[in-house]
PDB file of N, CA and C in Angstrom:
ATOM      1  N   MET A   1      43.871   9.913 -15.424  1.00  0.00           N
ATOM      2  CA  MET A   1      43.338  11.262 -15.376  1.00  0.00           C
ATOM      3  C   MET A   1      43.079  11.747 -16.801  1.00  0.00           C
ATOM      4  N   ALA A   2      41.908  12.267 -17.042  1.00  0.00           N
ATOM      5  CA  ALA A   2      41.540  12.765 -18.364  1.00  0.00           C
ATOM      6  C   ALA A   2      42.298  14.048 -18.690  1.00  0.00           C
ATOM      7  N   VAL A   3      42.550  14.245 -19.968  1.00  0.00           N
ATOM      8  CA  VAL A   3      43.224  15.456 -20.434  1.00  0.00           C
ATOM      9  C   VAL A   3      42.316  16.173 -21.424  1.00  0.00           C
ATOM     10  N   ARG A   4      42.527  17.481 -21.541  1.00  0.00           N
ATOM     11  CA  ARG A   4      41.733  18.289 -22.458  1.00  0.00           C
ATOM     12  C   ARG A   4      42.670  19.115 -23.313  1.00  0.00           C
ATOM     13  N   GLY A   5      42.354  19.196 -24.589  1.00  0.00           N
ATOM     14  CA  GLY A   5      43.121  20.034 -25.497  1.00  0.00           C
ATOM     15  C   GLY A   5      42.190  20.862 -26.353  1.00  0.00           C
ATOM     16  N   TYR A   6      42.684  22.028 -26.733  1.00  0.00           N
ATOM     17  CA  TYR A   6      41.973  22.885 -27.667  1.00  0.00           C
ATOM     18  C   TYR A   6      42.736  22.809 -28.977  1.00  0.00           C
ATOM     19  N   VAL A   7      42.075  22.316 -30.008  1.00  0.00           N
ATOM     20  CA  VAL A   7      42.706  22.128 -31.308  1.00  0.00           C
ATOM     21  C   VAL A   7      42.278  23.289 -32.198  1.00  0.00           C
ATOM     22  N   LEU A   8      43.254  24.112 -32.573  1.00  0.00           N
ATOM     23  CA  LEU A   8      43.016  25.276 -33.427  1.00  0.00           C
ATOM     24  C   LEU A   8      43.282  24.841 -34.860  1.00  0.00           C
ATOM     25  N   ILE A   9      42.296  24.993 -35.714  1.00  0.00           N
ATOM     26  CA  ILE A   9      42.369  24.442 -37.064  1.00  0.00           C
ATOM     27  C   ILE A   9      42.338  25.538 -38.111  1.00  0.00           C
ATOM     28  N   GLU A  10      43.279  25.454 -39.044  1.00  0.00           N
ATOM     29  CA  GLU A  10      43.244  26.264 -40.257  1.00  0.00           C
ATOM     30  C   GLU A  10      42.676  25.374 -41.349  1.00  0.00           C
ATOM     31  N   ALA A  11      41.604  25.842 -41.984  1.00  0.00           N
ATOM     32  CA  ALA A  11      40.918  25.061 -43.009  1.00  0.00           C
ATOM     33  C   ALA A  11      41.159  25.656 -44.391  1.00  0.00           C
ATOM     34  N   ASP A  12      40.922  24.827 -45.409  1.00  0.00           N
ATOM     35  CA  ASP A  12      40.956  25.321 -46.785  1.00  0.00           C
ATOM     36  C   ASP A  12      39.901  26.413 -46.928  1.00  0.00           C
ATOM     37  N   VAL A  13      40.132  27.343 -47.840  1.00  0.00           N
ATOM     38  CA  VAL A  13      39.190  28.430 -48.080  1.00  0.00           C
ATOM     39  C   VAL A  13      37.817  27.860 -48.428  1.00  0.00           C
ATOM     40  N   GLY A  14      36.795  28.331 -47.728  1.00  0.00           N
ATOM     41  CA  GLY A  14      35.426  27.905 -47.987  1.00  0.00           C
ATOM     42  C   GLY A  14      35.050  26.568 -47.372  1.00  0.00           C
ATOM     43  N   LYS A  15      35.926  25.977 -46.580  1.00  0.00           N
ATOM     44  CA  LYS A  15      35.666  24.642 -46.030  1.00  0.00           C
ATOM     45  C   LYS A  15      35.425  24.615 -44.519  1.00  0.00           C
ATOM     46  N   ALA A  16      35.386  25.759 -43.853  1.00  0.00           N
ATOM     47  CA  ALA A  16      35.247  25.787 -42.394  1.00  0.00           C
ATOM     48  C   ALA A  16      33.971  25.086 -41.929  1.00  0.00           C
ATOM     49  N   LYS A  17      32.866  25.336 -42.590  1.00  0.00           N
ATOM     50  CA  LYS A  17      31.595  24.727 -42.186  1.00  0.00           C
ATOM     51  C   LYS A  17      31.651  23.209 -42.343  1.00  0.00           C
ATOM     52  N   ALA A  18      32.173  22.733 -43.449  1.00  0.00           N
ATOM     53  CA  ALA A  18      32.269  21.291 -43.690  1.00  0.00           C
ATOM     54  C   ALA A  18      33.215  20.628 -42.693  1.00  0.00           C
ATOM     55  N   VAL A  19      34.330  21.295 -42.387  1.00  0.00           N
ATOM     56  CA  VAL A  19      35.286  20.764 -41.404  1.00  0.00           C
ATOM     57  C   VAL A  19      34.614  20.679 -40.032  1.00  0.00           C
ATOM     58  N   SER A  20      33.920  21.731 -39.624  1.00  0.00           N
ATOM     59  CA  SER A  20      33.225  21.737 -38.335  1.00  0.00           C
ATOM     60  C   SER A  20      32.223  20.595 -38.241  1.00  0.00           C
ATOM     61  N   SER A  21      31.432  20.424 -39.272  1.00  0.00           N
ATOM     62  CA  SER A  21      30.413  19.364 -39.275  1.00  0.00           C
ATOM     63  C   SER A  21      31.041  17.986 -39.199  1.00  0.00           C
ATOM     64  N   ALA A  22      32.099  17.770 -39.956  1.00  0.00           N
ATOM     65  CA  ALA A  22      32.765  16.459 -39.959  1.00  0.00           C
ATOM     66  C   ALA A  22      33.391  16.152 -38.602  1.00  0.00           C
ATOM     67  N   ILE A  23      34.019  17.142 -38.003  1.00  0.00           N
ATOM     68  CA  ILE A  23      34.675  16.917 -36.706  1.00  0.00           C
ATOM     69  C   ILE A  23      33.643  16.672 -35.607  1.00  0.00           C
ATOM     70  N   ALA A  24      32.514  17.329 -35.666  1.00  0.00           N
ATOM     71  CA  ALA A  24      31.459  17.111 -34.670  1.00  0.00           C
ATOM     72  C   ALA A  24      30.975  15.659 -34.679  1.00  0.00           C
ATOM     73  N   GLN A  25      31.115  14.980 -35.815  1.00  0.00           N
ATOM     74  CA  GLN A  25      30.669  13.590 -35.955  1.00  0.00           C
ATOM     75  C   GLN A  25      31.774  12.565 -35.689  1.00  0.00           C
ATOM     76  N   LEU A  26      33.001  13.028 -35.444  1.00  0.00           N
ATOM     77  CA  LEU A  26      34.127  12.109 -35.270  1.00  0.00           C
ATOM     78  C   LEU A  26      33.971  11.224 -34.045  1.00  0.00           C
ATOM     79  N   SER A  27      34.491  10.029 -34.180  1.00  0.00           N
ATOM     80  CA  SER A  27      34.550   9.097 -33.059  1.00  0.00           C
ATOM     81  C   SER A  27      35.946   8.480 -33.060  1.00  0.00           C
ATOM     82  N   TYR A  28      36.629   8.578 -31.921  1.00  0.00           N
ATOM     83  CA  TYR A  28      37.953   7.965 -31.776  1.00  0.00           C
ATOM     84  C   TYR A  28      38.005   7.323 -30.391  1.00  0.00           C
ATOM     85  N   PRO A  29      38.395   6.056 -30.309  1.00  0.00           N
ATOM     86  CA  PRO A  29      38.379   5.356 -29.018  1.00  0.00           C
ATOM     87  C   PRO A  29      39.168   6.094 -27.931  1.00  0.00           C
ATOM     88  N   GLY A  30      38.543   6.249 -26.768  1.00  0.00           N
ATOM     89  CA  GLY A  30      39.209   6.883 -25.634  1.00  0.00           C
ATOM     90  C   GLY A  30      39.183   8.392 -25.648  1.00  0.00           C
ATOM     91  N   SER A  31      38.469   8.974 -26.620  1.00  0.00           N
ATOM     92  CA  SER A  31      38.398  10.438 -26.692  1.00  0.00           C
ATOM     93  C   SER A  31      36.982  10.859 -27.065  1.00  0.00           C
ATOM     94  N   ARG A  32      36.711  12.138 -26.840  1.00  0.00           N
ATOM     95  CA  ARG A  32      35.414  12.670 -27.270  1.00  0.00           C
ATOM     96  C   ARG A  32      35.556  14.143 -27.623  1.00  0.00           C
ATOM     97  N   VAL A  33      34.797  14.550 -28.611  1.00  0.00           N
ATOM     98  CA  VAL A  33      34.740  15.949 -29.011  1.00  0.00           C
ATOM     99  C   VAL A  33      33.715  16.619 -28.100  1.00  0.00           C
ATOM    100  N   ALA A  34      34.192  17.520 -27.238  1.00  0.00           N
ATOM    101  CA  ALA A  34      33.308  18.197 -26.291  1.00  0.00           C
ATOM    102  C   ALA A  34      32.620  19.400 -26.920  1.00  0.00           C
ATOM    103  N   ALA A  35      33.303  20.081 -27.847  1.00  0.00           N
ATOM    104  CA  ALA A  35      32.723  21.258 -28.498  1.00  0.00           C
ATOM    105  C   ALA A  35      33.461  21.534 -29.805  1.00  0.00           C
ATOM    106  N   VAL A  36      32.735  22.079 -30.756  1.00  0.00           N
ATOM    107  CA  VAL A  36      33.310  22.511 -32.034  1.00  0.00           C
ATOM    108  C   VAL A  36      32.729  23.883 -32.334  1.00  0.00           C
ATOM    109  N   ASP A  37      33.592  24.851 -32.577  1.00  0.00           N
ATOM    110  CA  ASP A  37      33.142  26.194 -32.925  1.00  0.00           C
ATOM    111  C   ASP A  37      33.846  26.683 -34.174  1.00  0.00           C
ATOM    112  N   THR A  38      33.068  27.231 -35.098  1.00  0.00           N
ATOM    113  CA  THR A  38      33.632  27.926 -36.247  1.00  0.00           C
ATOM    114  C   THR A  38      33.843  29.365 -35.787  1.00  0.00           C
ATOM    115  N   VAL A  39      35.048  29.885 -36.000  1.00  0.00           N
ATOM    116  CA  VAL A  39      35.416  31.184 -35.441  1.00  0.00           C
ATOM    117  C   VAL A  39      36.010  32.102 -36.509  1.00  0.00           C
ATOM    118  N   THR A  40      36.167  33.366 -36.156  1.00  0.00           N
ATOM    119  CA  THR A  40      36.857  34.316 -37.015  1.00  0.00           C
ATOM    120  C   THR A  40      38.269  34.510 -36.480  1.00  0.00           C
ATOM    121  N   GLY A  41      39.129  35.064 -37.303  1.00  0.00           N
ATOM    122  CA  GLY A  41      40.505  35.303 -36.872  1.00  0.00           C
ATOM    123  C   GLY A  41      41.469  34.404 -37.618  1.00  0.00           C
ATOM    124  N   PRO A  42      42.644  34.174 -37.035  1.00  0.00           N
ATOM    125  CA  PRO A  42      43.667  33.400 -37.738  1.00  0.00           C
ATOM    126  C   PRO A  42      43.320  31.916 -37.878  1.00  0.00           C
ATOM    127  N   TYR A  43      42.383  31.419 -37.066  1.00  0.00           N
ATOM    128  CA  TYR A  43      41.952  30.027 -37.164  1.00  0.00           C
ATOM    129  C   TYR A  43      40.509  30.004 -37.621  1.00  0.00           C
ATOM    130  N   ASP A  44      40.104  28.885 -38.191  1.00  0.00           N
ATOM    131  CA  ASP A  44      38.752  28.768 -38.731  1.00  0.00           C
ATOM    132  C   ASP A  44      37.826  27.955 -37.835  1.00  0.00           C
ATOM    133  N   VAL A  45      38.402  26.972 -37.144  1.00  0.00           N
ATOM    134  CA  VAL A  45      37.622  26.086 -36.285  1.00  0.00           C
ATOM    135  C   VAL A  45      38.427  25.840 -35.013  1.00  0.00           C
ATOM    136  N   ILE A  46      37.740  25.825 -33.874  1.00  0.00           N
ATOM    137  CA  ILE A  46      38.372  25.448 -32.612  1.00  0.00           C
ATOM    138  C   ILE A  46      37.591  24.277 -32.038  1.00  0.00           C
ATOM    139  N   VAL A  47      38.330  23.224 -31.674  1.00  0.00           N
ATOM    140  CA  VAL A  47      37.728  22.007 -31.149  1.00  0.00           C
ATOM    141  C   VAL A  47      38.197  21.801 -29.711  1.00  0.00           C
ATOM    142  N   GLN A  48      37.268  21.533 -28.811  1.00  0.00           N
ATOM    143  CA  GLN A  48      37.628  21.129 -27.454  1.00  0.00           C
ATOM    144  C   GLN A  48      37.563  19.607 -27.445  1.00  0.00           C
ATOM    145  N   LEU A  49      38.717  18.985 -27.225  1.00  0.00           N
ATOM    146  CA  LEU A  49      38.841  17.537 -27.297  1.00  0.00           C
ATOM    147  C   LEU A  49      39.273  16.997 -25.949  1.00  0.00           C
ATOM    148  N   GLU A  50      38.595  15.967 -25.472  1.00  0.00           N
ATOM    149  CA  GLU A  50      38.950  15.332 -24.205  1.00  0.00           C
ATOM    150  C   GLU A  50      39.341  13.891 -24.484  1.00  0.00           C
ATOM    151  N   ALA A  51      40.316  13.388 -23.703  1.00  0.00           N
ATOM    152  CA  ALA A  51      40.781  12.016 -23.905  1.00  0.00           C
ATOM    153  C   ALA A  51      41.218  11.414 -22.584  1.00  0.00           C
ATOM    154  N   ASP A  52      41.323  10.095 -22.573  1.00  0.00           N
ATOM    155  CA  ASP A  52      41.724   9.373 -21.371  1.00  0.00           C
ATOM    156  C   ASP A  52      43.143   9.723 -20.936  1.00  0.00           C
ATOM    157  N   ASP A  53      44.020   9.964 -21.906  1.00  0.00           N
ATOM    158  CA  ASP A  53      45.414  10.299 -21.589  1.00  0.00           C
ATOM    159  C   ASP A  53      46.012  11.086 -22.756  1.00  0.00           C
ATOM    160  N   LEU A  54      47.223  11.566 -22.556  1.00  0.00           N
ATOM    161  CA  LEU A  54      47.868  12.420 -23.550  1.00  0.00           C
ATOM    162  C   LEU A  54      48.128  11.694 -24.867  1.00  0.00           C
ATOM    163  N   ASP A  55      48.531  10.435 -24.793  1.00  0.00           N
ATOM    164  CA  ASP A  55      48.782   9.673 -26.021  1.00  0.00           C
ATOM    165  C   ASP A  55      47.508   9.522 -26.846  1.00  0.00           C
ATOM    166  N   THR A  56      46.404   9.234 -26.183  1.00  0.00           N
ATOM    167  CA  THR A  56      45.131   9.091 -26.888  1.00  0.00           C
ATOM    168  C   THR A  56      44.717  10.413 -27.513  1.00  0.00           C
ATOM    169  N   LEU A  57      44.924  11.502 -26.795  1.00  0.00           N
ATOM    170  CA  LEU A  57      44.609  12.824 -27.338  1.00  0.00           C
ATOM    171  C   LEU A  57      45.417  13.076 -28.614  1.00  0.00           C
ATOM    172  N   GLY A  58      46.708  12.826 -28.542  1.00  0.00           N
ATOM    173  CA  GLY A  58      47.565  13.032 -29.712  1.00  0.00           C
ATOM    174  C   GLY A  58      47.170  12.159 -30.886  1.00  0.00           C
ATOM    175  N   ASN A  59      46.843  10.906 -30.611  1.00  0.00           N
ATOM    176  CA  ASN A  59      46.429  10.011 -31.688  1.00  0.00           C
ATOM    177  C   ASN A  59      45.095  10.428 -32.293  1.00  0.00           C
ATOM    178  N   ALA A  60      44.176  10.913 -31.471  1.00  0.00           N
ATOM    179  CA  ALA A  60      42.888  11.382 -31.993  1.00  0.00           C
ATOM    180  C   ALA A  60      43.090  12.563 -32.945  1.00  0.00           C
ATOM    181  N   ILE A  61      44.057  13.404 -32.621  1.00  0.00           N
ATOM    182  CA  ILE A  61      44.339  14.553 -33.486  1.00  0.00           C
ATOM    183  C   ILE A  61      44.973  14.102 -34.791  1.00  0.00           C
ATOM    184  N   THR A  62      46.028  13.283 -34.701  1.00  0.00           N
ATOM    185  CA  THR A  62      46.768  12.908 -35.908  1.00  0.00           C
ATOM    186  C   THR A  62      46.050  11.867 -36.757  1.00  0.00           C
ATOM    187  N   GLU A  63      45.283  10.995 -36.126  1.00  0.00           N
ATOM    188  CA  GLU A  63      44.637   9.917 -36.881  1.00  0.00           C
ATOM    189  C   GLU A  63      43.193  10.219 -37.264  1.00  0.00           C
ATOM    190  N   ALA A  64      42.591  11.220 -36.640  1.00  0.00           N
ATOM    191  CA  ALA A  64      41.194  11.525 -36.960  1.00  0.00           C
ATOM    192  C   ALA A  64      41.032  12.964 -37.447  1.00  0.00           C
ATOM    193  N   ILE A  65      41.330  13.937 -36.602  1.00  0.00           N
ATOM    194  CA  ILE A  65      41.082  15.338 -36.966  1.00  0.00           C
ATOM    195  C   ILE A  65      41.902  15.766 -38.179  1.00  0.00           C
ATOM    196  N   GLN A  66      43.187  15.448 -38.196  1.00  0.00           N
ATOM    197  CA  GLN A  66      44.027  15.898 -39.309  1.00  0.00           C
ATOM    198  C   GLN A  66      43.690  15.212 -40.631  1.00  0.00           C
ATOM    199  N   LYS A  67      42.926  14.135 -40.588  1.00  0.00           N
ATOM    200  CA  LYS A  67      42.539  13.431 -41.807  1.00  0.00           C
ATOM    201  C   LYS A  67      41.205  13.900 -42.373  1.00  0.00           C
ATOM    202  N   VAL A  68      40.550  14.831 -41.680  1.00  0.00           N
ATOM    203  CA  VAL A  68      39.287  15.377 -42.177  1.00  0.00           C
ATOM    204  C   VAL A  68      39.580  16.220 -43.424  1.00  0.00           C
ATOM    205  N   PRO A  69      38.873  15.962 -44.524  1.00  0.00           N
ATOM    206  CA  PRO A  69      39.088  16.759 -45.726  1.00  0.00           C
ATOM    207  C   PRO A  69      38.880  18.252 -45.449  1.00  0.00           C
ATOM    208  N   GLY A  70      39.823  19.067 -45.888  1.00  0.00           N
ATOM    209  CA  GLY A  70      39.735  20.510 -45.699  1.00  0.00           C
ATOM    210  C   GLY A  70      40.591  21.029 -44.562  1.00  0.00           C
ATOM    211  N   VAL A  71      41.088  20.141 -43.697  1.00  0.00           N
ATOM    212  CA  VAL A  71      41.976  20.567 -42.620  1.00  0.00           C
ATOM    213  C   VAL A  71      43.379  20.768 -43.197  1.00  0.00           C
ATOM    214  N   GLN A  72      43.883  21.983 -43.072  1.00  0.00           N
ATOM    215  CA  GLN A  72      45.235  22.289 -43.562  1.00  0.00           C
ATOM    216  C   GLN A  72      46.275  22.091 -42.485  1.00  0.00           C
ATOM    217  N   ARG A  73      45.996  22.636 -41.290  1.00  0.00           N
ATOM    218  CA  ARG A  73      47.005  22.662 -40.216  1.00  0.00           C
ATOM    219  C   ARG A  73      46.294  22.718 -38.877  1.00  0.00           C
ATOM    220  N   THR A  74      46.910  22.080 -37.871  1.00  0.00           N
ATOM    221  CA  THR A  74      46.362  22.147 -36.514  1.00  0.00           C
ATOM    222  C   THR A  74      47.432  22.634 -35.549  1.00  0.00           C
ATOM    223  N   THR A  75      46.964  23.314 -34.521  1.00  0.00           N
ATOM    224  CA  THR A  75      47.793  23.713 -33.386  1.00  0.00           C
ATOM    225  C   THR A  75      47.018  23.299 -32.147  1.00  0.00           C
ATOM    226  N   THR A  76      47.683  22.602 -31.226  1.00  0.00           N
ATOM    227  CA  THR A  76      46.984  22.110 -30.040  1.00  0.00           C
ATOM    228  C   THR A  76      47.490  22.807 -28.796  1.00  0.00           C
ATOM    229  N   CYS A  77      46.558  23.278 -27.987  1.00  0.00           N
ATOM    230  CA  CYS A  77      46.862  23.892 -26.696  1.00  0.00           C
ATOM    231  C   CYS A  77      46.297  22.969 -25.617  1.00  0.00           C
ATOM    232  N   LEU A  78      47.167  22.473 -24.731  1.00  0.00           N
ATOM    233  CA  LEU A  78      46.720  21.589 -23.662  1.00  0.00           C
ATOM    234  C   LEU A  78      46.232  22.399 -22.472  1.00  0.00           C
ATOM    235  N   ALA A  79      45.119  21.969 -21.893  1.00  0.00           N
ATOM    236  CA  ALA A  79      44.622  22.597 -20.675  1.00  0.00           C
ATOM    237  C   ALA A  79      45.431  22.056 -19.499  1.00  0.00           C
ATOM    238  N   VAL A  80      45.823  22.947 -18.583  1.00  0.00           N
ATOM    239  CA  VAL A  80      46.582  22.537 -17.405  1.00  0.00           C
ATOM    240  C   VAL A  80      45.849  23.011 -16.151  1.00  0.00           C
ATOM    241  N   ARG A  81      46.101  22.311 -15.059  1.00  0.00           N
ATOM    242  CA  ARG A  81      45.521  22.713 -13.777  1.00  0.00           C
ATOM    243  C   ARG A  81      46.628  23.346 -12.954  1.00  0.00           C
ATOM    244  N   LEU A  82      46.513  24.631 -12.716  1.00  0.00           N
ATOM    245  CA  LEU A  82      47.499  25.353 -11.916  1.00  0.00           C
ATOM    246  C   LEU A  82      46.959  25.501 -10.495  1.00  0.00           C
ATOM    247  N   SER A  83      47.775  25.137  -9.535  1.00  0.00           N
ATOM    248  CA  SER A  83      47.306  25.280  -8.148  1.00  0.00           C
ATOM    249  C   SER A  83      48.362  25.931  -7.292  1.00  0.00           C
TER     250      SER A  83
END
């Protein structure tokens, strides 16, 4: 079952646009970037990330997104299905 996470990113000052562009181009096996938005408020960029499973999602964040130059800190919110 696929999982979805929203990655809230704090970027270096003046780097939000570059971070957004770099993340939009990322490729990590078993995952895909569904959307990237540069936003106002306490975070600079929000990424909607989908992956085959939770481990792949976590690895895509730590091995790809967090290594993008200008990314200071990430917070991930997992999407859940409530029924």
